[in-house]
Amino acid sequence: MIRHLVLFKLNDGVARDEPKVVAGVRAFEELGGLIPDLASWECGWNITDRPIAYDYAINSSVADTEALRRYLEHPAHQAGVGQWREFATWVIADYEF
């Protein structure tokens, strides 16, 4: 199994309740039911306020590197990433467990 972690940081001046952010969150919330290769899917806003904290996180898993590739290339994933690219930056980690 591969764990796929993503941490998002909203760009300066961008608020969680802006329509484009709300739409981006909705797109990611729906991915768990749209992409068959996802073995698990969790996402949500960070609940703590610390200077080093990121704002939003995805914690998901897939069976193997081919499933990860299919997930990353899936049109629904690409559409969500395209939305987030407009208002956030992110870091990722993919590891086997």
C-alpha atoms as a PDB file:
ATOM      1  CA  MET A   1       0.000   0.000   0.000  1.00  0.00           C
ATOM      2  CA  ILE A   2       1.030   3.577  -0.613  1.00  0.00           C
ATOM      3  CA  ARG A   3       0.033   6.494   1.586  1.00  0.00           C
ATOM      4  CA  HIS A   4      -0.453   9.771  -0.314  1.00  0.00           C
ATOM      5  CA  LEU A   5      -0.322  12.845   1.947  1.00  0.00           C
ATOM      6  CA  VAL A   6      -0.860  16.400   0.765  1.00  0.00           C
ATOM      7  CA  LEU A   7      -0.716  19.569   2.858  1.00  0.00           C
ATOM      8  CA  PHE A   8      -2.112  22.793   1.398  1.00  0.00           C
ATOM      9  CA  LYS A   9      -1.302  26.380   2.343  1.00  0.00           C
ATOM     10  CA  LEU A  10      -3.715  29.068   1.199  1.00  0.00           C
ATOM     11  CA  ASN A  11      -2.013  31.959  -0.565  1.00  0.00           C
ATOM     12  CA  ASP A  12      -1.710  35.242   1.335  1.00  0.00           C
ATOM     13  CA  GLY A  13      -5.009  37.066   1.477  1.00  0.00           C
ATOM     14  CA  VAL A  14      -7.118  34.016   0.570  1.00  0.00           C
ATOM     15  CA  ALA A  15      -9.862  33.055   3.048  1.00  0.00           C
ATOM     16  CA  ARG A  16     -11.479  29.666   3.589  1.00  0.00           C
ATOM     17  CA  ASP A  17     -14.952  31.004   2.846  1.00  0.00           C
ATOM     18  CA  GLU A  18     -14.168  32.481  -0.578  1.00  0.00           C
ATOM     19  CA  PRO A  19     -16.308  30.854  -3.297  1.00  0.00           C
ATOM     20  CA  LYS A  20     -13.294  29.514  -5.210  1.00  0.00           C
ATOM     21  CA  VAL A  21     -11.944  27.868  -2.042  1.00  0.00           C
ATOM     22  CA  VAL A  22     -15.345  26.411  -1.139  1.00  0.00           C
ATOM     23  CA  ALA A  23     -15.591  24.969  -4.669  1.00  0.00           C
ATOM     24  CA  GLY A  24     -12.072  23.520  -4.417  1.00  0.00           C
ATOM     25  CA  VAL A  25     -12.864  21.863  -1.099  1.00  0.00           C
ATOM     26  CA  ARG A  26     -16.059  20.396  -2.551  1.00  0.00           C
ATOM     27  CA  ALA A  27     -14.089  19.000  -5.503  1.00  0.00           C
ATOM     28  CA  PHE A  28     -11.656  17.255  -3.157  1.00  0.00           C
ATOM     29  CA  GLU A  29     -14.384  15.988  -0.822  1.00  0.00           C
ATOM     30  CA  GLU A  30     -16.012  14.260  -3.788  1.00  0.00           C
ATOM     31  CA  LEU A  31     -12.857  12.521  -5.027  1.00  0.00           C
ATOM     32  CA  GLY A  32     -13.157   9.630  -2.582  1.00  0.00           C
ATOM     33  CA  GLY A  33     -16.325   8.453  -4.305  1.00  0.00           C
ATOM     34  CA  LEU A  34     -15.176   9.168  -7.858  1.00  0.00           C
ATOM     35  CA  ILE A  35     -11.812   7.422  -8.161  1.00  0.00           C
ATOM     36  CA  PRO A  36     -11.964   3.627  -7.853  1.00  0.00           C
ATOM     37  CA  ASP A  37      -8.221   3.280  -7.165  1.00  0.00           C
ATOM     38  CA  LEU A  38      -8.505   5.049  -3.814  1.00  0.00           C
ATOM     39  CA  ALA A  39      -8.429   2.501  -0.986  1.00  0.00           C
ATOM     40  CA  SER A  40      -8.984   5.272   1.588  1.00  0.00           C
ATOM     41  CA  TRP A  41      -9.740   8.971   1.406  1.00  0.00           C
ATOM     42  CA  GLU A  42      -9.799  11.667   4.105  1.00  0.00           C
ATOM     43  CA  CYS A  43      -9.563  15.416   3.759  1.00  0.00           C
ATOM     44  CA  GLY A  44     -10.287  18.428   5.900  1.00  0.00           C
ATOM     45  CA  TRP A  45      -9.291  21.768   7.320  1.00  0.00           C
ATOM     46  CA  ASN A  46      -6.562  22.028   9.936  1.00  0.00           C
ATOM     47  CA  ILE A  47      -8.135  22.721  13.322  1.00  0.00           C
ATOM     48  CA  THR A  48      -5.085  24.304  14.996  1.00  0.00           C
ATOM     49  CA  ASP A  49      -3.591  27.747  14.560  1.00  0.00           C
ATOM     50  CA  ARG A  50       0.205  27.506  14.681  1.00  0.00           C
ATOM     51  CA  PRO A  51       2.686  29.459  12.558  1.00  0.00           C
ATOM     52  CA  ILE A  52       4.096  26.324  10.911  1.00  0.00           C
ATOM     53  CA  ALA A  53       0.715  24.708  10.251  1.00  0.00           C
ATOM     54  CA  TYR A  54      -0.752  24.148   6.829  1.00  0.00           C
ATOM     55  CA  ASP A  55      -4.405  24.924   6.176  1.00  0.00           C
ATOM     56  CA  TYR A  56      -5.909  21.824   4.557  1.00  0.00           C
ATOM     57  CA  ALA A  57      -4.870  18.178   4.277  1.00  0.00           C
ATOM     58  CA  ILE A  58      -5.529  15.062   2.235  1.00  0.00           C
ATOM     59  CA  ASN A  59      -4.672  11.639   3.629  1.00  0.00           C
ATOM     60  CA  SER A  60      -5.317   8.809   1.194  1.00  0.00           C
ATOM     61  CA  SER A  61      -4.030   5.399   0.198  1.00  0.00           C
ATOM     62  CA  VAL A  62      -3.797   3.288  -2.943  1.00  0.00           C
ATOM     63  CA  ALA A  63      -2.696  -0.286  -3.594  1.00  0.00           C
ATOM     64  CA  ASP A  64       0.517   0.327  -5.547  1.00  0.00           C
ATOM     65  CA  THR A  65       2.452   2.718  -7.789  1.00  0.00           C
ATOM     66  CA  GLU A  66       0.208   1.987 -10.781  1.00  0.00           C
ATOM     67  CA  ALA A  67      -2.893   2.840  -8.745  1.00  0.00           C
ATOM     68  CA  LEU A  68      -1.171   6.053  -7.605  1.00  0.00           C
ATOM     69  CA  ARG A  69      -0.417   6.946 -11.224  1.00  0.00           C
ATOM     70  CA  ARG A  70      -4.037   6.314 -12.256  1.00  0.00           C
ATOM     71  CA  TYR A  71      -5.281   8.426  -9.343  1.00  0.00           C
ATOM     72  CA  LEU A  72      -2.949  11.318 -10.185  1.00  0.00           C
ATOM     73  CA  GLU A  73      -3.961  11.214 -13.856  1.00  0.00           C
ATOM     74  CA  HIS A  74      -7.698  10.810 -13.210  1.00  0.00           C
ATOM     75  CA  PRO A  75      -9.692  13.706 -14.729  1.00  0.00           C
ATOM     76  CA  ALA A  76     -11.496  14.435 -11.437  1.00  0.00           C
ATOM     77  CA  HIS A  77      -8.160  14.698  -9.609  1.00  0.00           C
ATOM     78  CA  GLN A  78      -6.719  16.931 -12.320  1.00  0.00           C
ATOM     79  CA  ALA A  79      -9.787  19.182 -12.166  1.00  0.00           C
ATOM     80  CA  GLY A  80      -9.478  19.558  -8.386  1.00  0.00           C
ATOM     81  CA  VAL A  81      -5.770  20.302  -8.591  1.00  0.00           C
ATOM     82  CA  GLY A  82      -6.483  22.916 -11.250  1.00  0.00           C
ATOM     83  CA  GLN A  83      -8.856  24.691  -8.885  1.00  0.00           C
ATOM     84  CA  TRP A  84      -6.443  24.635  -5.940  1.00  0.00           C
ATOM     85  CA  ARG A  85      -3.562  25.854  -8.087  1.00  0.00           C
ATOM     86  CA  GLU A  86      -5.359  29.215  -8.299  1.00  0.00           C
ATOM     87  CA  PHE A  87      -5.288  29.923  -4.552  1.00  0.00           C
ATOM     88  CA  ALA A  88      -2.854  27.600  -2.722  1.00  0.00           C
ATOM     89  CA  THR A  89       0.499  25.865  -2.709  1.00  0.00           C
ATOM     90  CA  TRP A  90       1.161  22.390  -1.348  1.00  0.00           C
ATOM     91  CA  VAL A  91       3.661  19.732  -0.392  1.00  0.00           C
ATOM     92  CA  ILE A  92       3.257  15.991  -0.768  1.00  0.00           C
ATOM     93  CA  ALA A  93       4.689  12.755   0.538  1.00  0.00           C
ATOM     94  CA  ASP A  94       4.057   9.284  -0.902  1.00  0.00           C
ATOM     95  CA  TYR A  95       5.356   6.323   1.074  1.00  0.00           C
ATOM     96  CA  GLU A  96       4.833   2.573   1.283  1.00  0.00           C
ATOM     97  CA  PHE A  97       3.343   1.067   4.390  1.00  0.00           C
END
